[in-house]
Full PDB file with SEQRES, HELIX, SHEET, SSBOND, CRYST1, ORIGX, SCALE, CONECT and MASTER records, all heavy atoms in Angstrom:
SEQRES   1 A   41  LEU ASP VAL HIS LEU VAL GLU PRO MET GLN ARG ARG THR          
SEQRES   2 A   41  ASP TRP LEU SER ASP THR VAL ALA GLN LEU GLY LEU ALA          
SEQRES   3 A   41  ASN VAL THR VAL HIS ARG GLY ARG ALA GLU GLU LEU VAL          
SEQRES   4 A   41  GLY VAL                                                      
HELIX    1 AA1 GLN A   10  LEU A   23  1                                  14    
HELIX    2 AA2 ALA A   35  LEU A   38  5                                   4    
SHEET    1 AA1 2 VAL A   3  GLU A   7  0                                        
SHEET    2 AA1 2 VAL A  28  ARG A  32  1                                        
CRYST1    1.000    1.000    1.000  90.00  90.00  90.00 P 1           1          
ORIGX1      1.000000  0.000000  0.000000        0.00000                         
ORIGX2      0.000000  1.000000  0.000000        0.00000                         
ORIGX3      0.000000  0.000000  1.000000        0.00000                         
SCALE1      1.000000  0.000000  0.000000        0.00000                         
SCALE2      0.000000  1.000000  0.000000        0.00000                         
SCALE3      0.000000  0.000000  1.000000        0.00000                         
ATOM      1  N   LEU A   1       0.826  -1.204   0.000  1.00  0.00           N  
ATOM      2  CA  LEU A   1       0.000   0.000   0.000  1.00  0.00           C  
ATOM      3  C   LEU A   1       0.864   1.259   0.000  1.00  0.00           C  
ATOM      4  O   LEU A   1       1.945   1.286   0.581  1.00  0.00           O  
ATOM      5  CB  LEU A   1      -0.921   0.030   1.227  1.00  0.00           C  
ATOM      6  CG  LEU A   1      -1.974  -1.072   1.343  1.00  0.00           C  
ATOM      7  CD1 LEU A   1      -2.734  -0.937   2.664  1.00  0.00           C  
ATOM      8  CD2 LEU A   1      -2.935  -1.046   0.166  1.00  0.00           C  
ATOM      9  N   ASP A   2       0.360   2.303  -0.641  1.00  0.00           N  
ATOM     10  CA  ASP A   2       0.984   3.627  -0.630  1.00  0.00           C  
ATOM     11  C   ASP A   2       0.136   4.491   0.297  1.00  0.00           C  
ATOM     12  O   ASP A   2      -0.942   4.956  -0.087  1.00  0.00           O  
ATOM     13  CB  ASP A   2       1.016   4.186  -2.055  1.00  0.00           C  
ATOM     14  CG  ASP A   2       1.614   5.582  -2.127  1.00  0.00           C  
ATOM     15  OD1 ASP A   2       2.217   6.028  -1.129  1.00  0.00           O  
ATOM     16  OD2 ASP A   2       1.464   6.233  -3.187  1.00  0.00           O  
ATOM     17  N   VAL A   3       0.616   4.686   1.531  1.00  0.00           N  
ATOM     18  CA  VAL A   3      -0.192   5.284   2.587  1.00  0.00           C  
ATOM     19  C   VAL A   3       0.232   6.728   2.852  1.00  0.00           C  
ATOM     20  O   VAL A   3       1.417   7.020   3.046  1.00  0.00           O  
ATOM     21  CB  VAL A   3      -0.072   4.470   3.893  1.00  0.00           C  
ATOM     22  CG1 VAL A   3      -0.927   5.093   4.998  1.00  0.00           C  
ATOM     23  CG2 VAL A   3      -0.483   3.013   3.657  1.00  0.00           C  
ATOM     24  N   HIS A   4      -0.757   7.628   2.889  1.00  0.00           N  
ATOM     25  CA  HIS A   4      -0.513   9.047   3.149  1.00  0.00           C  
ATOM     26  C   HIS A   4      -1.261   9.437   4.430  1.00  0.00           C  
ATOM     27  O   HIS A   4      -2.487   9.326   4.498  1.00  0.00           O  
ATOM     28  CB  HIS A   4      -0.975   9.894   1.968  1.00  0.00           C  
ATOM     29  CG  HIS A   4      -0.166   9.650   0.732  1.00  0.00           C  
ATOM     30  ND1 HIS A   4       0.831  10.508   0.306  1.00  0.00           N  
ATOM     31  CD2 HIS A   4      -0.181   8.616  -0.160  1.00  0.00           C  
ATOM     32  CE1 HIS A   4       1.380  10.019  -0.790  1.00  0.00           C  
ATOM     33  NE2 HIS A   4       0.790   8.877  -1.090  1.00  0.00           N  
ATOM     34  N   LEU A   5      -0.499   9.890   5.421  1.00  0.00           N  
ATOM     35  CA  LEU A   5      -1.075  10.270   6.701  1.00  0.00           C  
ATOM     36  C   LEU A   5      -1.313  11.776   6.734  1.00  0.00           C  
ATOM     37  O   LEU A   5      -0.390  12.556   6.501  1.00  0.00           O  
ATOM     38  CB  LEU A   5      -0.126   9.890   7.848  1.00  0.00           C  
ATOM     39  CG  LEU A   5       0.405   8.455   7.873  1.00  0.00           C  
ATOM     40  CD1 LEU A   5       1.313   8.252   9.089  1.00  0.00           C  
ATOM     41  CD2 LEU A   5      -0.730   7.442   7.860  1.00  0.00           C  
ATOM     42  N   VAL A   6      -2.546  12.178   7.009  1.00  0.00           N  
ATOM     43  CA  VAL A   6      -2.907  13.599   7.076  1.00  0.00           C  
ATOM     44  C   VAL A   6      -3.241  13.953   8.520  1.00  0.00           C  
ATOM     45  O   VAL A   6      -4.131  13.342   9.128  1.00  0.00           O  
ATOM     46  CB  VAL A   6      -4.110  13.898   6.153  1.00  0.00           C  
ATOM     47  CG1 VAL A   6      -4.666  15.285   6.426  1.00  0.00           C  
ATOM     48  CG2 VAL A   6      -3.703  13.757   4.691  1.00  0.00           C  
ATOM     49  N   GLU A   7      -2.535  14.917   9.050  1.00  0.00           N  
ATOM     50  CA  GLU A   7      -2.704  15.316  10.449  1.00  0.00           C  
ATOM     51  C   GLU A   7      -2.365  16.800  10.573  1.00  0.00           C  
ATOM     52  O   GLU A   7      -1.305  17.231  10.110  1.00  0.00           O  
ATOM     53  CB  GLU A   7      -1.793  14.479  11.346  1.00  0.00           C  
ATOM     54  CG  GLU A   7      -1.691  14.936  12.779  1.00  0.00           C  
ATOM     55  CD  GLU A   7      -3.040  14.979  13.496  1.00  0.00           C  
ATOM     56  OE1 GLU A   7      -3.801  13.997  13.407  1.00  0.00           O  
ATOM     57  OE2 GLU A   7      -3.335  16.021  14.111  1.00  0.00           O  
ATOM     58  N   PRO A   8      -3.229  17.633  11.180  1.00  0.00           N  
ATOM     59  CA  PRO A   8      -2.985  19.073  11.217  1.00  0.00           C  
ATOM     60  C   PRO A   8      -2.010  19.551  12.285  1.00  0.00           C  
ATOM     61  O   PRO A   8      -1.417  20.611  12.149  1.00  0.00           O  
ATOM     62  CB  PRO A   8      -4.378  19.657  11.473  1.00  0.00           C  
ATOM     63  CG  PRO A   8      -5.115  18.576  12.183  1.00  0.00           C  
ATOM     64  CD  PRO A   8      -4.587  17.291  11.628  1.00  0.00           C  
ATOM     65  N   MET A   9      -1.819  18.786  13.360  1.00  0.00           N  
ATOM     66  CA  MET A   9      -1.023  19.272  14.490  1.00  0.00           C  
ATOM     67  C   MET A   9       0.465  18.970  14.307  1.00  0.00           C  
ATOM     68  O   MET A   9       0.846  17.827  14.040  1.00  0.00           O  
ATOM     69  CB  MET A   9      -1.525  18.665  15.801  1.00  0.00           C  
ATOM     70  CG  MET A   9      -2.943  19.077  16.152  1.00  0.00           C  
ATOM     71  SD  MET A   9      -3.500  18.401  17.735  1.00  0.00           S  
ATOM     72  CE  MET A   9      -2.370  19.214  18.859  1.00  0.00           C  
ATOM     73  N   GLN A  10       1.306  19.991  14.479  1.00  0.00           N  
ATOM     74  CA  GLN A  10       2.742  19.865  14.250  1.00  0.00           C  
ATOM     75  C   GLN A  10       3.376  18.780  15.125  1.00  0.00           C  
ATOM     76  O   GLN A  10       4.160  17.961  14.653  1.00  0.00           O  
ATOM     77  CB  GLN A  10       3.434  21.201  14.523  1.00  0.00           C  
ATOM     78  CG  GLN A  10       4.939  21.184  14.294  1.00  0.00           C  
ATOM     79  CD  GLN A  10       5.312  21.131  12.821  1.00  0.00           C  
ATOM     80  OE1 GLN A  10       4.916  21.999  12.048  1.00  0.00           O  
ATOM     81  NE2 GLN A  10       6.061  20.107  12.415  1.00  0.00           N  
ATOM     82  N   ARG A  11       3.053  18.777  16.426  1.00  0.00           N  
ATOM     83  CA  ARG A  11       3.692  17.798  17.309  1.00  0.00           C  
ATOM     84  C   ARG A  11       3.309  16.371  16.928  1.00  0.00           C  
ATOM     85  O   ARG A  11       4.098  15.444  17.092  1.00  0.00           O  
ATOM     86  CB  ARG A  11       3.360  18.075  18.775  1.00  0.00           C  
ATOM     87  CG  ARG A  11       1.891  17.924  19.159  1.00  0.00           C  
ATOM     88  CD  ARG A  11       1.670  18.261  20.630  1.00  0.00           C  
ATOM     89  NE  ARG A  11       0.275  18.190  21.007  1.00  0.00           N  
ATOM     90  CZ  ARG A  11      -0.340  17.082  21.364  1.00  0.00           C  
ATOM     91  NH1 ARG A  11       0.316  15.932  21.384  1.00  0.00           N  
ATOM     92  NH2 ARG A  11      -1.626  17.087  21.699  1.00  0.00           N  
ATOM     93  N   ARG A  12       2.122  16.217  16.391  1.00  0.00           N  
ATOM     94  CA  ARG A  12       1.705  14.878  15.971  1.00  0.00           C  
ATOM     95  C   ARG A  12       2.381  14.473  14.674  1.00  0.00           C  
ATOM     96  O   ARG A  12       2.786  13.319  14.512  1.00  0.00           O  
ATOM     97  CB  ARG A  12       0.178  14.819  15.823  1.00  0.00           C  
ATOM     98  CG  ARG A  12      -0.555  14.927  17.146  1.00  0.00           C  
ATOM     99  CD  ARG A  12      -2.055  14.774  16.974  1.00  0.00           C  
ATOM    100  NE  ARG A  12      -2.741  14.823  18.260  1.00  0.00           N  
ATOM    101  CZ  ARG A  12      -4.050  14.719  18.406  1.00  0.00           C  
ATOM    102  NH1 ARG A  12      -4.834  14.567  17.335  1.00  0.00           N  
ATOM    103  NH2 ARG A  12      -4.595  14.763  19.604  1.00  0.00           N  
ATOM    104  N   THR A  13       2.515  15.405  13.739  1.00  0.00           N  
ATOM    105  CA  THR A  13       3.193  15.053  12.493  1.00  0.00           C  
ATOM    106  C   THR A  13       4.676  14.789  12.746  1.00  0.00           C  
ATOM    107  O   THR A  13       5.271  13.925  12.096  1.00  0.00           O  
ATOM    108  CB  THR A  13       3.028  16.145  11.418  1.00  0.00           C  
ATOM    109  OG1 THR A  13       3.431  17.404  11.942  1.00  0.00           O  
ATOM    110  CG2 THR A  13       1.582  16.224  10.951  1.00  0.00           C  
ATOM    111  N   ASP A  14       5.264  15.513  13.696  1.00  0.00           N  
ATOM    112  CA  ASP A  14       6.659  15.244  14.061  1.00  0.00           C  
ATOM    113  C   ASP A  14       6.779  13.820  14.606  1.00  0.00           C  
ATOM    114  O   ASP A  14       7.717  13.078  14.259  1.00  0.00           O  
ATOM    115  CB  ASP A  14       7.165  16.249  15.100  1.00  0.00           C  
ATOM    116  CG  ASP A  14       7.367  17.644  14.519  1.00  0.00           C  
ATOM    117  OD1 ASP A  14       7.392  17.772  13.277  1.00  0.00           O  
ATOM    118  OD2 ASP A  14       7.477  18.600  15.306  1.00  0.00           O  
ATOM    119  N   TRP A  15       5.854  13.459  15.488  1.00  0.00           N  
ATOM    120  CA  TRP A  15       5.868  12.107  16.064  1.00  0.00           C  
ATOM    121  C   TRP A  15       5.644  11.055  14.983  1.00  0.00           C  
ATOM    122  O   TRP A  15       6.328  10.022  14.959  1.00  0.00           O  
ATOM    123  CB  TRP A  15       4.791  11.985  17.146  1.00  0.00           C  
ATOM    124  CG  TRP A  15       4.770  10.647  17.823  1.00  0.00           C  
ATOM    125  CD1 TRP A  15       5.479  10.267  18.928  1.00  0.00           C  
ATOM    126  CD2 TRP A  15       4.003   9.507  17.426  1.00  0.00           C  
ATOM    127  NE1 TRP A  15       5.209   8.963  19.242  1.00  0.00           N  
ATOM    128  CE2 TRP A  15       4.303   8.466  18.341  1.00  0.00           C  
ATOM    129  CE3 TRP A  15       3.092   9.260  16.405  1.00  0.00           C  
ATOM    130  CZ2 TRP A  15       3.726   7.208  18.250  1.00  0.00           C  
ATOM    131  CZ3 TRP A  15       2.523   8.003  16.295  1.00  0.00           C  
ATOM    132  CH2 TRP A  15       2.829   6.989  17.208  1.00  0.00           C  
ATOM    133  N   LEU A  16       4.685  11.303  14.091  1.00  0.00           N  
ATOM    134  CA  LEU A  16       4.414  10.355  13.012  1.00  0.00           C  
ATOM    135  C   LEU A  16       5.642  10.165  12.129  1.00  0.00           C  
ATOM    136  O   LEU A  16       6.001   9.032  11.787  1.00  0.00           O  
ATOM    137  CB  LEU A  16       3.230  10.845  12.162  1.00  0.00           C  
ATOM    138  CG  LEU A  16       1.843  10.737  12.794  1.00  0.00           C  
ATOM    139  CD1 LEU A  16       0.820  11.516  11.957  1.00  0.00           C  
ATOM    140  CD2 LEU A  16       1.405   9.279  12.931  1.00  0.00           C  
ATOM    141  N   SER A  17       6.293  11.260  11.755  1.00  0.00           N  
ATOM    142  CA  SER A  17       7.479  11.177  10.903  1.00  0.00           C  
ATOM    143  C   SER A  17       8.588  10.392  11.590  1.00  0.00           C  
ATOM    144  O   SER A  17       9.268   9.562  10.963  1.00  0.00           O  
ATOM    145  CB  SER A  17       7.972  12.577  10.536  1.00  0.00           C  
ATOM    146  OG  SER A  17       7.009  13.259   9.754  1.00  0.00           O  
ATOM    147  N   ASP A  18       8.767  10.649  12.877  1.00  0.00           N  
ATOM    148  CA  ASP A  18       9.801   9.939  13.629  1.00  0.00           C  
ATOM    149  C   ASP A  18       9.476   8.454  13.732  1.00  0.00           C  
ATOM    150  O   ASP A  18      10.361   7.592  13.584  1.00  0.00           O  
ATOM    151  CB  ASP A  18       9.944  10.556  15.021  1.00  0.00           C  
ATOM    152  CG  ASP A  18      11.090   9.946  15.808  1.00  0.00           C  
ATOM    153  OD1 ASP A  18      12.235  10.010  15.333  1.00  0.00           O  
ATOM    154  OD2 ASP A  18      10.843   9.379  16.894  1.00  0.00           O  
ATOM    155  N   THR A  19       8.215   8.128  13.970  1.00  0.00           N  
ATOM    156  CA  THR A  19       7.797   6.734  14.089  1.00  0.00           C  
ATOM    157  C   THR A  19       7.960   5.996  12.767  1.00  0.00           C  
ATOM    158  O   THR A  19       8.448   4.863  12.724  1.00  0.00           O  
ATOM    159  CB  THR A  19       6.335   6.661  14.567  1.00  0.00           C  
ATOM    160  OG1 THR A  19       6.235   7.283  15.861  1.00  0.00           O  
ATOM    161  CG2 THR A  19       5.860   5.215  14.666  1.00  0.00           C  
ATOM    162  N   VAL A  20       7.561   6.644  11.684  1.00  0.00           N  
ATOM    163  CA  VAL A  20       7.719   6.045  10.355  1.00  0.00           C  
ATOM    164  C   VAL A  20       9.193   5.762  10.078  1.00  0.00           C  
ATOM    165  O   VAL A  20       9.553   4.699   9.549  1.00  0.00           O  
ATOM    166  CB  VAL A  20       7.124   6.980   9.274  1.00  0.00           C  
ATOM    167  CG1 VAL A  20       7.548   6.547   7.882  1.00  0.00           C  
ATOM    168  CG2 VAL A  20       5.602   7.002   9.385  1.00  0.00           C  
ATOM    169  N   ALA A  21      10.074   6.700  10.475  1.00  0.00           N  
ATOM    170  CA  ALA A  21      11.513   6.518  10.264  1.00  0.00           C  
ATOM    171  C   ALA A  21      12.042   5.363  11.121  1.00  0.00           C  
ATOM    172  O   ALA A  21      12.835   4.531  10.641  1.00  0.00           O  
ATOM    173  CB  ALA A  21      12.257   7.811  10.588  1.00  0.00           C  
ATOM    174  N   GLN A  22      11.613   5.304  12.385  1.00  0.00           N  
ATOM    175  CA  GLN A  22      12.063   4.227  13.268  1.00  0.00           C  
ATOM    176  C   GLN A  22      11.663   2.854  12.734  1.00  0.00           C  
ATOM    177  O   GLN A  22      12.421   1.884  12.852  1.00  0.00           O  
ATOM    178  CB  GLN A  22      11.482   4.407  14.672  1.00  0.00           C  
ATOM    179  CG  GLN A  22      12.079   5.530  15.479  1.00  0.00           C  
ATOM    180  CD  GLN A  22      11.549   5.526  16.904  1.00  0.00           C  
ATOM    181  OE1 GLN A  22      11.672   4.535  17.631  1.00  0.00           O  
ATOM    182  NE2 GLN A  22      10.941   6.621  17.305  1.00  0.00           N  
ATOM    183  N   LEU A  23      10.477   2.767  12.162  1.00  0.00           N  
ATOM    184  CA  LEU A  23       9.971   1.495  11.661  1.00  0.00           C  
ATOM    185  C   LEU A  23      10.451   1.199  10.247  1.00  0.00           C  
ATOM    186  O   LEU A  23      10.243   0.094   9.738  1.00  0.00           O  
ATOM    187  CB  LEU A  23       8.431   1.499  11.695  1.00  0.00           C  
ATOM    188  CG  LEU A  23       7.803   1.615  13.095  1.00  0.00           C  
ATOM    189  CD1 LEU A  23       6.277   1.766  12.981  1.00  0.00           C  
ATOM    190  CD2 LEU A  23       8.151   0.409  13.957  1.00  0.00           C  
ATOM    191  N   GLY A  24      11.076   2.184   9.604  1.00  0.00           N  
ATOM    192  CA  GLY A  24      11.587   1.975   8.255  1.00  0.00           C  
ATOM    193  C   GLY A  24      10.498   1.747   7.222  1.00  0.00           C  
ATOM    194  O   GLY A  24      10.661   0.938   6.303  1.00  0.00           O  
ATOM    195  N   LEU A  25       9.394   2.482   7.364  1.00  0.00           N  
ATOM    196  CA  LEU A  25       8.255   2.290   6.470  1.00  0.00           C  
ATOM    197  C   LEU A  25       8.397   3.186   5.237  1.00  0.00           C  
ATOM    198  O   LEU A  25       8.016   4.357   5.251  1.00  0.00           O  
ATOM    199  CB  LEU A  25       6.950   2.592   7.198  1.00  0.00           C  
ATOM    200  CG  LEU A  25       6.625   1.668   8.379  1.00  0.00           C  
ATOM    201  CD1 LEU A  25       5.387   2.158   9.115  1.00  0.00           C  
ATOM    202  CD2 LEU A  25       6.441   0.232   7.909  1.00  0.00           C  
ATOM    203  N   ALA A  26       8.910   2.618   4.174  1.00  0.00           N  
ATOM    204  CA  ALA A  26       9.131   3.387   2.942  1.00  0.00           C  
ATOM    205  C   ALA A  26       7.837   3.670   2.200  1.00  0.00           C  
ATOM    206  O   ALA A  26       7.824   4.494   1.274  1.00  0.00           O  
ATOM    207  CB  ALA A  26      10.090   2.625   2.029  1.00  0.00           C  
ATOM    208  N   ASN A  27       6.748   3.018   2.591  1.00  0.00           N  
ATOM    209  CA  ASN A  27       5.473   3.186   1.889  1.00  0.00           C  
ATOM    210  C   ASN A  27       4.547   4.183   2.585  1.00  0.00           C  
ATOM    211  O   ASN A  27       3.342   4.204   2.322  1.00  0.00           O  
ATOM    212  CB  ASN A  27       4.761   1.838   1.740  1.00  0.00           C  
ATOM    213  CG  ASN A  27       4.442   1.169   3.076  1.00  0.00           C  
ATOM    214  OD1 ASN A  27       5.195   1.320   4.040  1.00  0.00           O  
ATOM    215  ND2 ASN A  27       3.354   0.413   3.120  1.00  0.00           N  
ATOM    216  N   VAL A  28       5.099   5.028   3.470  1.00  0.00           N  
ATOM    217  CA  VAL A  28       4.273   5.997   4.208  1.00  0.00           C  
ATOM    218  C   VAL A  28       4.819   7.414   4.000  1.00  0.00           C  
ATOM    219  O   VAL A  28       6.021   7.649   4.103  1.00  0.00           O  
ATOM    220  CB  VAL A  28       4.253   5.682   5.718  1.00  0.00           C  
ATOM    221  CG1 VAL A  28       3.426   6.731   6.466  1.00  0.00           C  
ATOM    222  CG2 VAL A  28       3.683   4.292   5.973  1.00  0.00           C  
ATOM    223  N   THR A  29       3.890   8.359   3.729  1.00  0.00           N  
ATOM    224  CA  THR A  29       4.225   9.777   3.615  1.00  0.00           C  
ATOM    225  C   THR A  29       3.360  10.551   4.596  1.00  0.00           C  
ATOM    226  O   THR A  29       2.153  10.294   4.700  1.00  0.00           O  
ATOM    227  CB  THR A  29       3.965  10.301   2.189  1.00  0.00           C  
ATOM    228  OG1 THR A  29       4.681   9.483   1.254  1.00  0.00           O  
ATOM    229  CG2 THR A  29       4.406  11.742   2.046  1.00  0.00           C  
ATOM    230  N   VAL A  30       3.967  11.477   5.334  1.00  0.00           N  
ATOM    231  CA  VAL A  30       3.246  12.273   6.329  1.00  0.00           C  
ATOM    232  C   VAL A  30       2.993  13.669   5.771  1.00  0.00           C  
ATOM    233  O   VAL A  30       3.903  14.309   5.229  1.00  0.00           O  
ATOM    234  CB  VAL A  30       4.038  12.368   7.643  1.00  0.00           C  
ATOM    235  CG1 VAL A  30       3.291  13.230   8.666  1.00  0.00           C  
ATOM    236  CG2 VAL A  30       4.302  10.974   8.218  1.00  0.00           C  
ATOM    237  N   HIS A  31       1.755  14.143   5.910  1.00  0.00           N  
ATOM    238  CA  HIS A  31       1.377  15.480   5.450  1.00  0.00           C  
ATOM    239  C   HIS A  31       0.793  16.257   6.624  1.00  0.00           C  
ATOM    240  O   HIS A  31      -0.130  15.782   7.290  1.00  0.00           O  
ATOM    241  CB  HIS A  31       0.325  15.408   4.336  1.00  0.00           C  
ATOM    242  CG  HIS A  31       0.736  14.580   3.161  1.00  0.00           C  
ATOM    243  ND1 HIS A  31       1.369  15.108   2.055  1.00  0.00           N  
ATOM    244  CD2 HIS A  31       0.584  13.249   2.925  1.00  0.00           C  
ATOM    245  CE1 HIS A  31       1.594  14.148   1.178  1.00  0.00           C  
ATOM    246  NE2 HIS A  31       1.129  13.006   1.675  1.00  0.00           N  
ATOM    247  N   ARG A  32       1.296  17.466   6.848  1.00  0.00           N  
ATOM    248  CA  ARG A  32       0.741  18.305   7.900  1.00  0.00           C  
ATOM    249  C   ARG A  32      -0.284  19.260   7.295  1.00  0.00           C  
ATOM    250  O   ARG A  32      -0.007  19.987   6.340  1.00  0.00           O  
ATOM    251  CB  ARG A  32       1.840  19.106   8.600  1.00  0.00           C  
ATOM    252  CG  ARG A  32       1.284  20.027   9.694  1.00  0.00           C  
ATOM    253  CD  ARG A  32       2.405  20.683  10.492  1.00  0.00           C  
ATOM    254  NE  ARG A  32       1.863  21.647  11.428  1.00  0.00           N  
ATOM    255  CZ  ARG A  32       1.757  22.959  11.213  1.00  0.00           C  
ATOM    256  NH1 ARG A  32       2.197  23.448  10.058  1.00  0.00           N  
ATOM    257  NH2 ARG A  32       1.240  23.766  12.116  1.00  0.00           N  
ATOM    258  N   GLY A  33      -1.487  19.247   7.862  1.00  0.00           N  
ATOM    259  CA  GLY A  33      -2.547  20.140   7.401  1.00  0.00           C  
ATOM    260  C   GLY A  33      -3.907  19.511   7.605  1.00  0.00           C  
ATOM    261  O   GLY A  33      -4.024  18.303   7.816  1.00  0.00           O  
ATOM    262  N   ARG A  34      -4.919  20.336   7.565  1.00  0.00           N  
ATOM    263  CA  ARG A  34      -6.286  19.833   7.608  1.00  0.00           C  
ATOM    264  C   ARG A  34      -6.652  19.283   6.232  1.00  0.00           C  
ATOM    265  O   ARG A  34      -6.096  19.717   5.217  1.00  0.00           O  
ATOM    266  CB  ARG A  34      -7.258  20.944   8.011  1.00  0.00           C  
ATOM    267  CG  ARG A  34      -6.992  21.514   9.387  1.00  0.00           C  
ATOM    268  CD  ARG A  34      -8.004  22.576   9.760  1.00  0.00           C  
ATOM    269  NE  ARG A  34      -7.710  23.163  11.054  1.00  0.00           N  
ATOM    270  CZ  ARG A  34      -8.029  22.612  12.221  1.00  0.00           C  
ATOM    271  NH1 ARG A  34      -8.679  21.449  12.245  1.00  0.00           N  
ATOM    272  NH2 ARG A  34      -7.710  23.199  13.355  1.00  0.00           N  
ATOM    273  N   ALA A  35      -7.592  18.370   6.218  1.00  0.00           N  
ATOM    274  CA  ALA A  35      -7.976  17.742   4.953  1.00  0.00           C  
ATOM    275  C   ALA A  35      -8.379  18.785   3.926  1.00  0.00           C  
ATOM    276  O   ALA A  35      -7.958  18.718   2.761  1.00  0.00           O  
ATOM    277  CB  ALA A  35      -9.131  16.757   5.190  1.00  0.00           C  
ATOM    278  N   GLU A  36      -9.138  19.788   4.353  1.00  0.00           N  
ATOM    279  CA  GLU A  36      -9.618  20.797   3.411  1.00  0.00           C  
ATOM    280  C   GLU A  36      -8.482  21.665   2.865  1.00  0.00           C  
ATOM    281  O   GLU A  36      -8.602  22.248   1.789  1.00  0.00           O  
ATOM    282  CB  GLU A  36     -10.705  21.674   4.045  1.00  0.00           C  
ATOM    283  CG  GLU A  36     -10.312  22.368   5.329  1.00  0.00           C  
ATOM    284  CD  GLU A  36     -10.637  21.583   6.581  1.00  0.00           C  
ATOM    285  OE1 GLU A  36     -10.582  20.333   6.544  1.00  0.00           O  
ATOM    286  OE2 GLU A  36     -10.936  22.222   7.610  1.00  0.00           O  
ATOM    287  N   GLU A  37      -7.372  21.745   3.607  1.00  0.00           N  
ATOM    288  CA  GLU A  37      -6.223  22.528   3.156  1.00  0.00           C  
ATOM    289  C   GLU A  37      -5.368  21.760   2.146  1.00  0.00           C  
ATOM    290  O   GLU A  37      -4.559  22.369   1.437  1.00  0.00           O  
ATOM    291  CB  GLU A  37      -5.343  22.905   4.355  1.00  0.00           C  
ATOM    292  CG  GLU A  37      -6.030  23.809   5.366  1.00  0.00           C  
ATOM    293  CD  GLU A  37      -5.244  23.956   6.653  1.00  0.00           C  
ATOM    294  OE1 GLU A  37      -4.324  23.146   6.894  1.00  0.00           O  
ATOM    295  OE2 GLU A  37      -5.562  24.890   7.418  1.00  0.00           O  
ATOM    296  N   LEU A  38      -5.548  20.453   2.088  1.00  0.00           N  
ATOM    297  CA  LEU A  38      -4.704  19.611   1.242  1.00  0.00           C  
ATOM    298  C   LEU A  38      -5.391  19.159  -0.046  1.00  0.00           C  
ATOM    299  O   LEU A  38      -4.855  18.343  -0.786  1.00  0.00           O  
ATOM    300  CB  LEU A  38      -4.234  18.385   2.039  1.00  0.00           C  
ATOM    301  CG  LEU A  38      -3.305  18.717   3.215  1.00  0.00           C  
ATOM    302  CD1 LEU A  38      -3.014  17.475   4.029  1.00  0.00           C  
ATOM    303  CD2 LEU A  38      -2.014  19.350   2.725  1.00  0.00           C  
ATOM    304  N   VAL A  39      -6.582  19.712  -0.314  1.00  0.00           N  
ATOM    305  CA  VAL A  39      -7.267  19.399  -1.570  1.00  0.00           C  
ATOM    306  C   VAL A  39      -6.418  19.916  -2.728  1.00  0.00           C  
ATOM    307  O   VAL A  39      -5.983  21.068  -2.739  1.00  0.00           O  
ATOM    308  CB  VAL A  39      -8.676  20.047  -1.611  1.00  0.00           C  
ATOM    309  CG1 VAL A  39      -9.327  19.808  -2.968  1.00  0.00           C  
ATOM    310  CG2 VAL A  39      -9.544  19.483  -0.493  1.00  0.00           C  
ATOM    311  N   GLY A  40      -6.141  19.053  -3.679  1.00  0.00           N  
ATOM    312  CA  GLY A  40      -5.275  19.411  -4.790  1.00  0.00           C  
ATOM    313  C   GLY A  40      -3.813  19.109  -4.530  1.00  0.00           C  
ATOM    314  O   GLY A  40      -2.990  19.155  -5.440  1.00  0.00           O  
ATOM    315  N   VAL A  41      -3.485  18.782  -3.276  1.00  0.00           N  
ATOM    316  CA  VAL A  41      -2.115  18.428  -2.898  1.00  0.00           C  
ATOM    317  C   VAL A  41      -1.999  16.922  -2.689  1.00  0.00           C  
ATOM    318  O   VAL A  41      -1.043  16.281  -3.131  1.00  0.00           O  
ATOM    319  CB  VAL A  41      -1.679  19.180  -1.619  1.00  0.00           C  
ATOM    320  CG1 VAL A  41      -0.275  18.753  -1.194  1.00  0.00           C  
ATOM    321  CG2 VAL A  41      -1.755  20.680  -1.831  1.00  0.00           C  
TER     322      VAL A  41                                                      
MASTER        0    0    0    2    2    0    0    6  321    1    0    4          
END                                                                             
């Protein structure tokens, strides 16, 4: 799967990015922002 995580809070996206790196998950991308802000992105 090609998984994209959408989360608006900075501290949570920092944690998500760090966790993804620790687990070595190459199939995950983290995006900071509200869903409505990421339309078209």
